Amino acid sequence: MIITATRSSREEFFEKSPLYTSIAPIRQPNLGMIVAFDNGEGLPHVYNKMVDQLEVADDTIFVFCHDDIHVLDFFWPSQILSGLERFDIVGLAGNRRRIPGQVSWCYINKAFVWDSLDNLSGIVGHGKRFPCQISQYGPPLQECKVLDGVFLAVRRKTLLERALRFDERFDFHLYDMDFCREAEGKGLAMGTVPISVIHESPGSFGSDAWCAGYRAYLDKWGP
């Protein structure tokens, strides 16, 4: 079950969104999609509401992802299934370590210095179409401490059994860092899977909204 939120209307999403237009041609019978249209709420709020209100089987796999990704992999559901046999939560890119002062899965400080590629895992494309710029962070299928929130997959029963949710004090920024720390504290294993995806957004690190999210993160976890 894909869960996403968009600022677009229903019509705009189905006609133009990278997520829907890339997945629609290869939709499978057992694949569903829930979309929060015209969304103005934080992603954690949207995600938690879907987890708690959707009437689906406990072994349903939730895929929490942004609406600005192009999924180019015909076999992406199989990659998720395979990854969840090894890890409790999977993503596309992540960091094998977590250190003091880390501000995202890839940056080690507020100057946005990249961590060494020896510590990173995953491959993600960037741009609006293929061919695109490809960021090869490191080999996939590595256990990570922090995953990029652009794409996260986890079984519903894992969230229920471990009482794991997204912290709604976060709006958009840092919610993935926080979620991974909560998951780590509950003894859950996280790792990356190889899925061909292009992400359109370069991110907005250093913006006012990002800084507000980082302050909330520091208030909760400390430096």
N, C-alpha and C. Protein backbone atom coordinates (compact mmCIF):
# COMPACT_ATOMS: atom_id res chain seq x y z
N MET A 1 0.84 -1.18 0.00
CA MET A 1 0.00 0.00 0.00
C MET A 1 0.89 1.24 0.00
N ILE A 2 0.85 1.97 -1.11
CA ILE A 2 1.62 3.22 -1.19
C ILE A 2 0.84 4.32 -0.48
N ILE A 3 1.52 5.04 0.39
CA ILE A 3 0.91 6.16 1.10
C ILE A 3 1.71 7.42 0.78
N THR A 4 1.03 8.43 0.26
CA THR A 4 1.71 9.65 -0.11
C THR A 4 0.80 10.84 0.12
N ALA A 5 1.40 12.02 0.11
CA ALA A 5 0.65 13.27 0.26
C ALA A 5 1.10 14.22 -0.84
N THR A 6 0.19 15.04 -1.31
CA THR A 6 0.52 15.97 -2.38
C THR A 6 -0.24 17.28 -2.20
N ARG A 7 0.38 18.35 -2.62
CA ARG A 7 -0.31 19.63 -2.62
C ARG A 7 -1.20 19.78 -3.84
N SER A 8 -1.09 18.87 -4.78
CA SER A 8 -1.88 18.91 -5.99
C SER A 8 -3.30 18.45 -5.76
N SER A 9 -4.18 18.84 -6.66
CA SER A 9 -5.54 18.34 -6.64
C SER A 9 -5.55 16.89 -7.11
N ARG A 10 -6.68 16.22 -6.95
CA ARG A 10 -6.81 14.85 -7.43
C ARG A 10 -6.51 14.77 -8.93
N GLU A 11 -7.10 15.69 -9.69
CA GLU A 11 -6.93 15.68 -11.13
C GLU A 11 -5.47 15.90 -11.52
N GLU A 12 -4.82 16.87 -10.88
CA GLU A 12 -3.42 17.16 -11.19
C GLU A 12 -2.52 15.99 -10.83
N PHE A 13 -2.81 15.36 -9.71
CA PHE A 13 -1.97 14.24 -9.27
C PHE A 13 -2.03 13.09 -10.27
N PHE A 14 -3.24 12.69 -10.66
CA PHE A 14 -3.37 11.56 -11.57
C PHE A 14 -2.86 11.88 -12.97
N GLU A 15 -2.87 13.15 -13.33
CA GLU A 15 -2.43 13.53 -14.68
C GLU A 15 -0.95 13.80 -14.76
N LYS A 16 -0.36 14.39 -13.70
CA LYS A 16 1.00 14.91 -13.84
C LYS A 16 2.01 14.40 -12.82
N SER A 17 1.59 13.85 -11.70
CA SER A 17 2.56 13.53 -10.65
C SER A 17 3.54 12.45 -11.11
N PRO A 18 4.82 12.64 -10.83
CA PRO A 18 5.80 11.62 -11.18
C PRO A 18 5.48 10.25 -10.56
N LEU A 19 5.02 10.25 -9.31
CA LEU A 19 4.75 8.99 -8.64
C LEU A 19 3.67 8.19 -9.37
N TYR A 20 2.52 8.82 -9.59
CA TYR A 20 1.42 8.06 -10.19
C TYR A 20 1.69 7.72 -11.65
N THR A 21 2.18 8.67 -12.42
CA THR A 21 2.35 8.42 -13.85
C THR A 21 3.44 7.39 -14.12
N SER A 22 4.40 7.23 -13.20
CA SER A 22 5.43 6.21 -13.40
C SER A 22 4.99 4.84 -12.92
N ILE A 23 4.10 4.79 -11.93
CA ILE A 23 3.67 3.50 -11.39
C ILE A 23 2.46 2.95 -12.12
N ALA A 24 1.59 3.82 -12.61
CA ALA A 24 0.34 3.37 -13.22
C ALA A 24 0.52 2.32 -14.31
N PRO A 25 1.51 2.45 -15.20
CA PRO A 25 1.64 1.45 -16.26
C PRO A 25 2.01 0.05 -15.75
N ILE A 26 2.59 -0.03 -14.54
CA ILE A 26 3.01 -1.33 -14.03
C ILE A 26 2.29 -1.68 -12.73
N ARG A 27 1.10 -1.10 -12.54
CA ARG A 27 0.32 -1.42 -11.35
C ARG A 27 -0.01 -2.91 -11.30
N GLN A 28 0.00 -3.47 -10.10
CA GLN A 28 -0.30 -4.87 -9.91
C GLN A 28 -1.58 -5.02 -9.10
N PRO A 29 -2.28 -6.16 -9.21
CA PRO A 29 -3.57 -6.33 -8.53
C PRO A 29 -3.49 -6.16 -7.02
N ASN A 30 -2.37 -6.53 -6.42
CA ASN A 30 -2.26 -6.45 -4.96
C ASN A 30 -1.58 -5.18 -4.49
N LEU A 31 -1.53 -4.17 -5.36
CA LEU A 31 -0.89 -2.90 -5.02
C LEU A 31 -1.94 -1.81 -4.93
N GLY A 32 -2.02 -1.15 -3.78
CA GLY A 32 -2.95 -0.05 -3.58
C GLY A 32 -2.21 1.25 -3.37
N MET A 33 -2.94 2.36 -3.48
CA MET A 33 -2.34 3.68 -3.26
C MET A 33 -3.36 4.57 -2.56
N ILE A 34 -2.93 5.17 -1.46
CA ILE A 34 -3.75 6.13 -0.71
C ILE A 34 -3.06 7.49 -0.80
N VAL A 35 -3.80 8.50 -1.22
CA VAL A 35 -3.22 9.82 -1.45
C VAL A 35 -3.97 10.88 -0.65
N ALA A 36 -3.24 11.73 0.04
CA ALA A 36 -3.83 12.91 0.68
C ALA A 36 -3.70 14.06 -0.31
N PHE A 37 -4.80 14.40 -1.00
CA PHE A 37 -4.78 15.45 -2.01
C PHE A 37 -4.91 16.83 -1.36
N ASP A 38 -4.46 17.86 -2.07
CA ASP A 38 -4.55 19.24 -1.57
C ASP A 38 -4.03 19.32 -0.14
N ASN A 39 -2.95 18.63 0.12
CA ASN A 39 -2.50 18.46 1.50
C ASN A 39 -1.75 19.68 2.03
N GLY A 40 -2.10 20.07 3.25
CA GLY A 40 -1.40 21.14 3.92
C GLY A 40 -0.90 20.72 5.29
N GLU A 41 -1.00 19.42 5.58
CA GLU A 41 -0.58 18.90 6.88
C GLU A 41 0.81 18.28 6.77
N GLY A 42 1.47 18.13 7.90
CA GLY A 42 2.78 17.51 7.91
C GLY A 42 2.70 16.04 7.53
N LEU A 43 3.76 15.53 6.91
CA LEU A 43 3.77 14.13 6.51
C LEU A 43 3.58 13.18 7.69
N PRO A 44 4.18 13.41 8.85
CA PRO A 44 3.95 12.50 9.98
C PRO A 44 2.47 12.38 10.34
N HIS A 45 1.74 13.48 10.29
CA HIS A 45 0.31 13.43 10.60
C HIS A 45 -0.43 12.59 9.57
N VAL A 46 -0.13 12.80 8.31
CA VAL A 46 -0.78 12.03 7.24
C VAL A 46 -0.45 10.55 7.37
N TYR A 47 0.83 10.24 7.57
CA TYR A 47 1.25 8.84 7.65
C TYR A 47 0.61 8.14 8.84
N ASN A 48 0.62 8.79 10.00
CA ASN A 48 0.04 8.15 11.19
C ASN A 48 -1.45 7.91 11.02
N LYS A 49 -2.14 8.86 10.42
CA LYS A 49 -3.57 8.70 10.23
C LYS A 49 -3.86 7.49 9.35
N MET A 50 -3.06 7.29 8.33
CA MET A 50 -3.26 6.14 7.45
C MET A 50 -2.95 4.83 8.17
N VAL A 51 -1.90 4.81 8.94
CA VAL A 51 -1.54 3.60 9.68
C VAL A 51 -2.67 3.19 10.62
N ASP A 52 -3.25 4.16 11.30
CA ASP A 52 -4.24 3.86 12.34
C ASP A 52 -5.65 3.67 11.80
N GLN A 53 -5.95 4.25 10.63
CA GLN A 53 -7.33 4.21 10.15
C GLN A 53 -7.58 3.24 9.01
N LEU A 54 -6.55 2.91 8.24
CA LEU A 54 -6.77 2.01 7.12
C LEU A 54 -7.13 0.61 7.61
N GLU A 55 -8.16 0.04 7.05
CA GLU A 55 -8.57 -1.31 7.41
C GLU A 55 -7.91 -2.29 6.45
N VAL A 56 -6.70 -2.66 6.79
CA VAL A 56 -5.92 -3.59 5.97
C VAL A 56 -5.32 -4.65 6.88
N ALA A 57 -4.86 -5.74 6.29
CA ALA A 57 -4.25 -6.82 7.06
C ALA A 57 -2.96 -6.35 7.72
N ASP A 58 -2.64 -6.95 8.85
CA ASP A 58 -1.44 -6.54 9.58
C ASP A 58 -0.16 -6.81 8.81
N ASP A 59 -0.18 -7.77 7.89
CA ASP A 59 1.04 -8.04 7.12
C ASP A 59 1.14 -7.17 5.87
N THR A 60 0.23 -6.21 5.72
CA THR A 60 0.31 -5.26 4.62
C THR A 60 1.61 -4.45 4.74
N ILE A 61 2.26 -4.26 3.61
CA ILE A 61 3.48 -3.44 3.58
C ILE A 61 3.09 -2.02 3.21
N PHE A 62 3.42 -1.09 4.09
CA PHE A 62 3.20 0.32 3.80
C PHE A 62 4.46 0.89 3.15
N VAL A 63 4.26 1.61 2.05
CA VAL A 63 5.36 2.33 1.41
C VAL A 63 5.06 3.82 1.54
N PHE A 64 5.79 4.49 2.42
CA PHE A 64 5.62 5.92 2.63
C PHE A 64 6.59 6.64 1.70
N CYS A 65 6.07 7.41 0.75
CA CYS A 65 6.99 8.03 -0.20
C CYS A 65 6.48 9.39 -0.65
N HIS A 66 7.41 10.17 -1.17
CA HIS A 66 7.08 11.50 -1.68
C HIS A 66 6.44 11.38 -3.06
N ASP A 67 5.69 12.39 -3.43
CA ASP A 67 4.96 12.33 -4.70
C ASP A 67 5.80 12.74 -5.90
N ASP A 68 7.05 13.18 -5.66
CA ASP A 68 7.89 13.67 -6.76
C ASP A 68 8.99 12.68 -7.13
N ILE A 69 8.67 11.39 -7.04
CA ILE A 69 9.63 10.38 -7.48
C ILE A 69 9.08 9.62 -8.68
N HIS A 70 9.96 9.30 -9.60
CA HIS A 70 9.64 8.45 -10.74
C HIS A 70 10.16 7.05 -10.41
N VAL A 71 9.29 6.08 -10.32
CA VAL A 71 9.70 4.70 -10.07
C VAL A 71 9.90 4.03 -11.42
N LEU A 72 11.14 3.66 -11.72
CA LEU A 72 11.49 3.13 -13.03
C LEU A 72 11.75 1.63 -13.01
N ASP A 73 11.59 1.02 -11.87
CA ASP A 73 11.94 -0.38 -11.68
C ASP A 73 10.71 -1.26 -11.80
N PHE A 74 10.70 -2.17 -12.79
CA PHE A 74 9.56 -3.08 -12.96
C PHE A 74 9.39 -4.01 -11.76
N PHE A 75 10.47 -4.27 -11.06
CA PHE A 75 10.45 -5.29 -10.01
C PHE A 75 10.55 -4.70 -8.60
N TRP A 76 10.16 -3.43 -8.45
CA TRP A 76 10.34 -2.79 -7.16
C TRP A 76 9.57 -3.45 -6.02
N PRO A 77 8.35 -3.99 -6.24
CA PRO A 77 7.70 -4.68 -5.11
C PRO A 77 8.49 -5.90 -4.64
N SER A 78 9.08 -6.62 -5.57
CA SER A 78 9.88 -7.79 -5.20
C SER A 78 11.12 -7.38 -4.42
N GLN A 79 11.71 -6.25 -4.77
CA GLN A 79 12.88 -5.77 -4.04
C GLN A 79 12.52 -5.42 -2.60
N ILE A 80 11.33 -4.84 -2.41
CA ILE A 80 10.89 -4.53 -1.06
C ILE A 80 10.66 -5.81 -0.26
N LEU A 81 9.97 -6.77 -0.87
CA LEU A 81 9.73 -8.04 -0.19
C LEU A 81 11.03 -8.71 0.22
N SER A 82 11.99 -8.72 -0.68
CA SER A 82 13.28 -9.33 -0.38
C SER A 82 13.99 -8.57 0.73
N GLY A 83 13.93 -7.23 0.67
CA GLY A 83 14.59 -6.43 1.70
C GLY A 83 13.99 -6.62 3.07
N LEU A 84 12.67 -6.78 3.12
CA LEU A 84 12.00 -6.94 4.42
C LEU A 84 12.19 -8.34 5.01
N GLU A 85 12.78 -9.23 4.25
CA GLU A 85 13.20 -10.51 4.84
C GLU A 85 14.50 -10.34 5.62
N ARG A 86 15.23 -9.29 5.30
CA ARG A 86 16.52 -9.03 5.94
C ARG A 86 16.42 -7.94 7.00
N PHE A 87 15.60 -6.91 6.71
CA PHE A 87 15.48 -5.77 7.61
C PHE A 87 14.01 -5.56 7.98
N ASP A 88 13.78 -4.80 9.07
CA ASP A 88 12.41 -4.46 9.48
C ASP A 88 11.87 -3.27 8.69
N ILE A 89 12.76 -2.36 8.31
CA ILE A 89 12.39 -1.16 7.57
C ILE A 89 13.41 -0.99 6.45
N VAL A 90 12.93 -0.66 5.25
CA VAL A 90 13.86 -0.47 4.14
C VAL A 90 13.64 0.88 3.48
N GLY A 91 14.71 1.39 2.87
CA GLY A 91 14.66 2.64 2.13
C GLY A 91 15.58 2.55 0.94
N LEU A 92 15.73 3.66 0.25
CA LEU A 92 16.56 3.70 -0.95
C LEU A 92 17.99 4.11 -0.66
N ALA A 93 18.18 4.97 0.34
CA ALA A 93 19.51 5.48 0.66
C ALA A 93 19.60 5.70 2.16
N GLY A 94 20.80 5.55 2.69
CA GLY A 94 20.95 5.72 4.13
C GLY A 94 22.40 5.78 4.54
N ASN A 95 22.57 5.92 5.85
CA ASN A 95 23.89 6.00 6.45
C ASN A 95 24.07 4.86 7.43
N ARG A 96 25.22 4.21 7.36
CA ARG A 96 25.49 3.06 8.22
C ARG A 96 25.85 3.47 9.63
N ARG A 97 26.02 4.75 9.86
CA ARG A 97 26.34 5.23 11.20
C ARG A 97 25.52 6.47 11.52
N ARG A 98 25.47 6.81 12.79
CA ARG A 98 24.86 8.06 13.25
C ARG A 98 25.82 8.68 14.24
N ILE A 99 26.14 9.98 14.04
CA ILE A 99 27.14 10.64 14.86
C ILE A 99 26.58 11.94 15.43
N PRO A 100 27.17 12.45 16.53
CA PRO A 100 26.73 13.74 17.08
C PRO A 100 26.88 14.85 16.03
N GLY A 101 25.88 15.73 15.97
CA GLY A 101 25.92 16.85 15.04
C GLY A 101 25.41 16.53 13.66
N GLN A 102 25.08 15.27 13.41
CA GLN A 102 24.57 14.87 12.10
C GLN A 102 23.22 15.54 11.84
N VAL A 103 23.05 16.12 10.65
CA VAL A 103 21.82 16.88 10.37
C VAL A 103 20.91 16.19 9.36
N SER A 104 21.38 15.13 8.75
CA SER A 104 20.56 14.34 7.84
C SER A 104 21.25 13.00 7.66
N TRP A 105 20.64 12.14 6.85
CA TRP A 105 21.26 10.84 6.63
C TRP A 105 22.61 10.96 5.93
N CYS A 106 22.82 12.05 5.17
CA CYS A 106 24.06 12.15 4.39
C CYS A 106 25.01 13.24 4.86
N TYR A 107 24.52 14.26 5.60
CA TYR A 107 25.37 15.36 6.03
C TYR A 107 25.76 15.19 7.49
N ILE A 108 27.02 15.50 7.80
CA ILE A 108 27.50 15.25 9.16
C ILE A 108 27.45 16.48 10.05
N ASN A 109 27.18 17.68 9.49
CA ASN A 109 27.13 18.88 10.33
C ASN A 109 26.31 19.97 9.64
N LYS A 110 26.17 21.10 10.33
CA LYS A 110 25.33 22.20 9.83
C LYS A 110 25.94 22.91 8.64
N ALA A 111 27.20 22.62 8.33
CA ALA A 111 27.81 23.17 7.12
C ALA A 111 27.47 22.30 5.91
N PHE A 112 26.67 21.25 6.14
CA PHE A 112 26.23 20.32 5.09
C PHE A 112 27.41 19.67 4.37
N VAL A 113 28.34 19.20 5.19
CA VAL A 113 29.47 18.42 4.69
C VAL A 113 29.03 16.97 4.54
N TRP A 114 29.30 16.40 3.38
CA TRP A 114 28.91 15.02 3.14
C TRP A 114 29.73 14.06 4.00
N ASP A 115 29.07 13.03 4.46
CA ASP A 115 29.79 11.96 5.13
C ASP A 115 30.59 11.18 4.09
N SER A 116 31.56 10.44 4.55
CA SER A 116 32.35 9.61 3.65
C SER A 116 31.46 8.56 2.98
N LEU A 117 31.71 8.31 1.70
CA LEU A 117 30.93 7.32 0.98
C LEU A 117 31.09 5.92 1.59
N ASP A 118 32.14 5.73 2.37
CA ASP A 118 32.32 4.44 3.05
C ASP A 118 31.18 4.17 4.02
N ASN A 119 30.52 5.24 4.47
CA ASN A 119 29.44 5.09 5.46
C ASN A 119 28.05 5.10 4.83
N LEU A 120 27.97 5.45 3.54
CA LEU A 120 26.67 5.60 2.90
C LEU A 120 26.29 4.37 2.09
N SER A 121 24.98 4.26 1.82
CA SER A 121 24.47 3.09 1.11
C SER A 121 23.30 3.50 0.22
N GLY A 122 23.24 2.95 -0.99
CA GLY A 122 22.10 3.18 -1.86
C GLY A 122 22.45 3.93 -3.13
N ILE A 123 21.51 3.93 -4.07
CA ILE A 123 21.65 4.62 -5.34
C ILE A 123 20.33 5.32 -5.66
N VAL A 124 20.39 6.60 -5.99
CA VAL A 124 19.18 7.38 -6.31
C VAL A 124 19.48 8.26 -7.51
N GLY A 125 18.54 8.33 -8.46
CA GLY A 125 18.66 9.25 -9.58
C GLY A 125 18.07 10.60 -9.22
N HIS A 126 18.56 11.65 -9.88
CA HIS A 126 18.06 13.01 -9.62
C HIS A 126 17.79 13.71 -10.95
N GLY A 127 16.64 14.36 -11.03
CA GLY A 127 16.26 15.05 -12.25
C GLY A 127 14.78 14.90 -12.51
N LYS A 128 14.37 15.12 -13.74
CA LYS A 128 12.96 15.05 -14.07
C LYS A 128 12.65 13.95 -15.08
N ARG A 129 13.68 13.31 -15.62
CA ARG A 129 13.45 12.22 -16.58
C ARG A 129 14.73 11.42 -16.71
N PHE A 130 14.60 10.26 -17.36
CA PHE A 130 15.77 9.43 -17.62
C PHE A 130 16.24 9.64 -19.05
N PRO A 131 17.55 9.75 -19.31
CA PRO A 131 18.66 9.59 -18.38
C PRO A 131 18.78 10.78 -17.43
N CYS A 132 19.40 10.51 -16.30
CA CYS A 132 19.46 11.52 -15.24
C CYS A 132 20.80 11.42 -14.52
N GLN A 133 21.03 12.38 -13.64
CA GLN A 133 22.18 12.30 -12.76
C GLN A 133 21.95 11.17 -11.77
N ILE A 134 22.92 10.31 -11.59
CA ILE A 134 22.78 9.18 -10.67
C ILE A 134 23.77 9.33 -9.52
N SER A 135 23.25 9.33 -8.31
CA SER A 135 24.09 9.41 -7.12
C SER A 135 24.30 8.01 -6.58
N GLN A 136 25.54 7.55 -6.67
CA GLN A 136 25.89 6.23 -6.15
C GLN A 136 26.53 6.43 -4.78
N TYR A 137 25.71 6.34 -3.75
CA TYR A 137 26.19 6.61 -2.40
C TYR A 137 27.04 5.46 -1.87
N GLY A 138 26.64 4.25 -2.19
CA GLY A 138 27.36 3.08 -1.70
C GLY A 138 26.56 1.83 -2.00
N PRO A 139 27.12 0.66 -1.76
CA PRO A 139 26.41 -0.58 -2.06
C PRO A 139 25.09 -0.66 -1.30
N PRO A 140 24.00 -1.08 -1.95
CA PRO A 140 22.74 -1.28 -1.24
C PRO A 140 22.77 -2.56 -0.42
N LEU A 141 21.65 -2.85 0.23
CA LEU A 141 21.51 -4.03 1.08
C LEU A 141 22.46 -3.99 2.27
N GLN A 142 22.72 -2.76 2.74
CA GLN A 142 23.54 -2.56 3.93
C GLN A 142 22.65 -2.13 5.09
N GLU A 143 22.95 -2.60 6.28
CA GLU A 143 22.21 -2.14 7.45
C GLU A 143 22.59 -0.70 7.75
N CYS A 144 21.59 0.12 8.05
CA CYS A 144 21.80 1.55 8.27
C CYS A 144 21.22 1.99 9.60
N LYS A 145 21.74 3.10 10.09
CA LYS A 145 21.19 3.74 11.28
C LYS A 145 20.16 4.80 10.91
N VAL A 146 20.33 5.39 9.72
CA VAL A 146 19.44 6.47 9.27
C VAL A 146 19.11 6.24 7.80
N LEU A 147 17.82 6.39 7.45
CA LEU A 147 17.38 6.25 6.06
C LEU A 147 16.77 7.56 5.56
N ASP A 148 16.88 7.79 4.28
CA ASP A 148 16.26 8.95 3.64
C ASP A 148 14.74 8.74 3.59
N GLY A 149 13.97 9.72 4.02
CA GLY A 149 12.52 9.58 4.10
C GLY A 149 11.80 9.66 2.77
N VAL A 150 12.52 9.87 1.67
CA VAL A 150 11.85 9.95 0.38
C VAL A 150 11.08 8.67 0.06
N PHE A 151 11.51 7.54 0.64
CA PHE A 151 10.88 6.25 0.34
C PHE A 151 11.21 5.31 1.49
N LEU A 152 10.19 4.94 2.27
CA LEU A 152 10.37 4.03 3.39
C LEU A 152 9.30 2.95 3.33
N ALA A 153 9.68 1.71 3.53
CA ALA A 153 8.73 0.61 3.50
C ALA A 153 8.85 -0.21 4.77
N VAL A 154 7.69 -0.58 5.33
CA VAL A 154 7.65 -1.34 6.59
C VAL A 154 6.31 -2.05 6.67
N ARG A 155 6.30 -3.21 7.29
CA ARG A 155 5.04 -3.92 7.46
C ARG A 155 4.20 -3.25 8.55
N ARG A 156 2.89 -3.22 8.34
CA ARG A 156 2.00 -2.59 9.31
C ARG A 156 2.14 -3.23 10.68
N LYS A 157 2.29 -4.56 10.72
CA LYS A 157 2.37 -5.24 12.01
C LYS A 157 3.62 -4.82 12.79
N THR A 158 4.67 -4.45 12.08
CA THR A 158 5.87 -3.96 12.77
C THR A 158 5.58 -2.66 13.49
N LEU A 159 4.86 -1.75 12.82
CA LEU A 159 4.50 -0.48 13.44
C LEU A 159 3.59 -0.70 14.64
N LEU A 160 2.64 -1.64 14.52
CA LEU A 160 1.68 -1.88 15.59
C LEU A 160 2.34 -2.58 16.77
N GLU A 161 3.11 -3.63 16.49
CA GLU A 161 3.70 -4.41 17.57
C GLU A 161 4.74 -3.63 18.36
N ARG A 162 5.46 -2.72 17.69
CA ARG A 162 6.49 -1.92 18.36
C ARG A 162 6.00 -0.53 18.75
N ALA A 163 4.71 -0.28 18.54
CA ALA A 163 4.14 1.05 18.86
C ALA A 163 5.00 2.16 18.25
N LEU A 164 5.34 1.99 17.00
CA LEU A 164 6.19 2.94 16.28
C LEU A 164 5.33 3.82 15.38
N ARG A 165 5.47 5.12 15.52
CA ARG A 165 4.77 6.08 14.68
C ARG A 165 5.73 7.22 14.32
N PHE A 166 5.28 8.08 13.43
CA PHE A 166 6.02 9.28 13.07
C PHE A 166 5.67 10.38 14.06
N ASP A 167 6.67 11.11 14.51
CA ASP A 167 6.45 12.17 15.50
C ASP A 167 5.86 13.40 14.81
N GLU A 168 4.67 13.78 15.23
CA GLU A 168 3.95 14.86 14.55
C GLU A 168 4.41 16.25 14.95
N ARG A 169 5.43 16.35 15.80
CA ARG A 169 6.00 17.68 16.04
C ARG A 169 6.82 18.13 14.81
N PHE A 170 7.15 17.17 13.96
CA PHE A 170 7.86 17.49 12.73
C PHE A 170 6.85 17.64 11.59
N ASP A 171 7.14 18.58 10.72
CA ASP A 171 6.26 18.84 9.59
C ASP A 171 6.72 18.06 8.37
N PHE A 172 7.86 18.42 7.86
CA PHE A 172 8.42 17.74 6.70
C PHE A 172 9.90 17.42 6.92
N HIS A 173 10.63 18.36 7.48
CA HIS A 173 12.06 18.19 7.65
C HIS A 173 12.40 17.44 8.93
N LEU A 174 13.39 16.58 8.84
CA LEU A 174 13.94 15.82 9.98
C LEU A 174 13.01 14.72 10.49
N TYR A 175 11.81 14.57 9.92
CA TYR A 175 10.93 13.51 10.41
C TYR A 175 11.53 12.14 10.16
N ASP A 176 12.32 12.01 9.08
CA ASP A 176 12.92 10.71 8.78
C ASP A 176 14.05 10.38 9.75
N MET A 177 14.87 11.37 10.09
CA MET A 177 15.92 11.16 11.09
C MET A 177 15.30 10.74 12.41
N ASP A 178 14.25 11.45 12.81
CA ASP A 178 13.59 11.13 14.06
C ASP A 178 12.98 9.73 14.03
N PHE A 179 12.30 9.39 12.94
CA PHE A 179 11.66 8.08 12.82
C PHE A 179 12.69 6.96 12.94
N CYS A 180 13.83 7.14 12.31
CA CYS A 180 14.87 6.11 12.36
C CYS A 180 15.45 5.97 13.77
N ARG A 181 15.58 7.08 14.49
CA ARG A 181 16.08 6.98 15.86
C ARG A 181 15.07 6.28 16.76
N GLU A 182 13.80 6.57 16.53
CA GLU A 182 12.76 5.86 17.29
C GLU A 182 12.80 4.37 16.97
N ALA A 183 12.97 4.03 15.70
CA ALA A 183 13.02 2.63 15.29
C ALA A 183 14.23 1.93 15.90
N GLU A 184 15.36 2.61 15.88
CA GLU A 184 16.57 2.03 16.48
C GLU A 184 16.36 1.76 17.97
N GLY A 185 15.70 2.70 18.65
CA GLY A 185 15.45 2.53 20.07
C GLY A 185 14.53 1.36 20.38
N LYS A 186 13.75 0.96 19.40
CA LYS A 186 12.84 -0.17 19.58
C LYS A 186 13.42 -1.48 19.03
N GLY A 187 14.71 -1.43 18.71
CA GLY A 187 15.39 -2.64 18.29
C GLY A 187 15.11 -3.10 16.88
N LEU A 188 14.70 -2.19 15.99
CA LEU A 188 14.38 -2.55 14.62
C LEU A 188 15.59 -2.35 13.71
N ALA A 189 15.76 -3.27 12.78
CA ALA A 189 16.86 -3.19 11.83
C ALA A 189 16.40 -2.45 10.57
N MET A 190 17.25 -1.57 10.06
CA MET A 190 16.94 -0.78 8.88
C MET A 190 18.02 -0.99 7.83
N GLY A 191 17.62 -0.95 6.56
CA GLY A 191 18.61 -1.11 5.50
C GLY A 191 18.09 -0.63 4.17
N THR A 192 18.97 -0.60 3.19
CA THR A 192 18.62 -0.10 1.86
C THR A 192 18.34 -1.25 0.90
N VAL A 193 17.55 -0.96 -0.11
CA VAL A 193 17.25 -1.91 -1.17
C VAL A 193 17.52 -1.25 -2.53
N PRO A 194 17.90 -2.03 -3.54
CA PRO A 194 18.19 -1.46 -4.86
C PRO A 194 16.93 -1.33 -5.70
N ILE A 195 16.40 -0.12 -5.79
CA ILE A 195 15.22 0.18 -6.61
C ILE A 195 15.54 1.41 -7.45
N SER A 196 15.28 1.33 -8.74
CA SER A 196 15.59 2.43 -9.64
C SER A 196 14.54 3.53 -9.52
N VAL A 197 14.94 4.67 -8.97
CA VAL A 197 14.03 5.79 -8.73
C VAL A 197 14.73 7.09 -9.10
N ILE A 198 13.98 8.01 -9.68
CA ILE A 198 14.47 9.37 -9.90
C ILE A 198 13.70 10.31 -8.97
N HIS A 199 14.42 11.09 -8.20
CA HIS A 199 13.80 12.06 -7.29
C HIS A 199 13.95 13.45 -7.89
N GLU A 200 12.83 14.15 -8.05
CA GLU A 200 12.87 15.47 -8.69
C GLU A 200 13.42 16.57 -7.78
N SER A 201 13.06 16.54 -6.50
CA SER A 201 13.40 17.64 -5.60
C SER A 201 14.84 17.53 -5.12
N PRO A 202 15.59 18.63 -5.14
CA PRO A 202 16.95 18.62 -4.59
C PRO A 202 16.97 18.80 -3.07
N GLY A 203 15.80 19.05 -2.48
CA GLY A 203 15.74 19.32 -1.04
C GLY A 203 15.85 20.80 -0.75
N SER A 204 15.59 21.16 0.50
CA SER A 204 15.67 22.58 0.88
C SER A 204 16.42 22.73 2.19
N PHE A 205 17.57 22.08 2.28
CA PHE A 205 18.41 22.18 3.47
C PHE A 205 18.83 23.63 3.70
N GLY A 206 18.73 24.06 4.95
CA GLY A 206 19.12 25.41 5.30
C GLY A 206 18.01 26.43 5.20
N SER A 207 16.85 26.05 4.69
CA SER A 207 15.71 26.98 4.61
C SER A 207 15.16 27.24 6.01
N ASP A 208 14.29 28.24 6.13
CA ASP A 208 13.69 28.54 7.44
C ASP A 208 12.91 27.34 7.97
N ALA A 209 12.19 26.67 7.08
CA ALA A 209 11.41 25.51 7.51
C ALA A 209 12.33 24.38 7.97
N TRP A 210 13.42 24.20 7.25
CA TRP A 210 14.38 23.17 7.67
C TRP A 210 14.98 23.50 9.03
N CYS A 211 15.35 24.75 9.22
CA CYS A 211 15.95 25.17 10.50
C CYS A 211 14.98 24.96 11.66
N ALA A 212 13.70 25.21 11.42
CA ALA A 212 12.70 24.98 12.47
C ALA A 212 12.62 23.50 12.81
N GLY A 213 12.67 22.66 11.79
CA GLY A 213 12.65 21.23 12.03
C GLY A 213 13.89 20.76 12.76
N TYR A 214 15.03 21.34 12.43
CA TYR A 214 16.28 20.94 13.10
C TYR A 214 16.26 21.36 14.56
N ARG A 215 15.70 22.54 14.86
CA ARG A 215 15.59 22.97 16.26
C ARG A 215 14.69 22.00 17.04
N ALA A 216 13.60 21.56 16.43
CA ALA A 216 12.72 20.60 17.09
C ALA A 216 13.44 19.27 17.31
N TYR A 217 14.27 18.89 16.36
CA TYR A 217 15.03 17.65 16.48
C TYR A 217 16.03 17.75 17.64
N LEU A 218 16.73 18.89 17.73
CA LEU A 218 17.69 19.08 18.82
C LEU A 218 17.00 19.15 20.18
N ASP A 219 15.82 19.78 20.21
CA ASP A 219 15.07 19.83 21.47
C ASP A 219 14.73 18.43 21.96
N LYS A 220 14.48 17.54 21.03
CA LYS A 220 14.08 16.17 21.41
C LYS A 220 15.29 15.29 21.71
N TRP A 221 16.31 15.35 20.88
CA TRP A 221 17.40 14.38 20.95
C TRP A 221 18.71 14.98 21.46
N GLY A 222 18.83 16.32 21.48
CA GLY A 222 20.11 16.92 21.84
C GLY A 222 21.05 16.93 20.64
N PRO A 223 22.25 17.52 20.81
CA PRO A 223 23.18 17.62 19.69
C PRO A 223 23.70 16.24 19.24
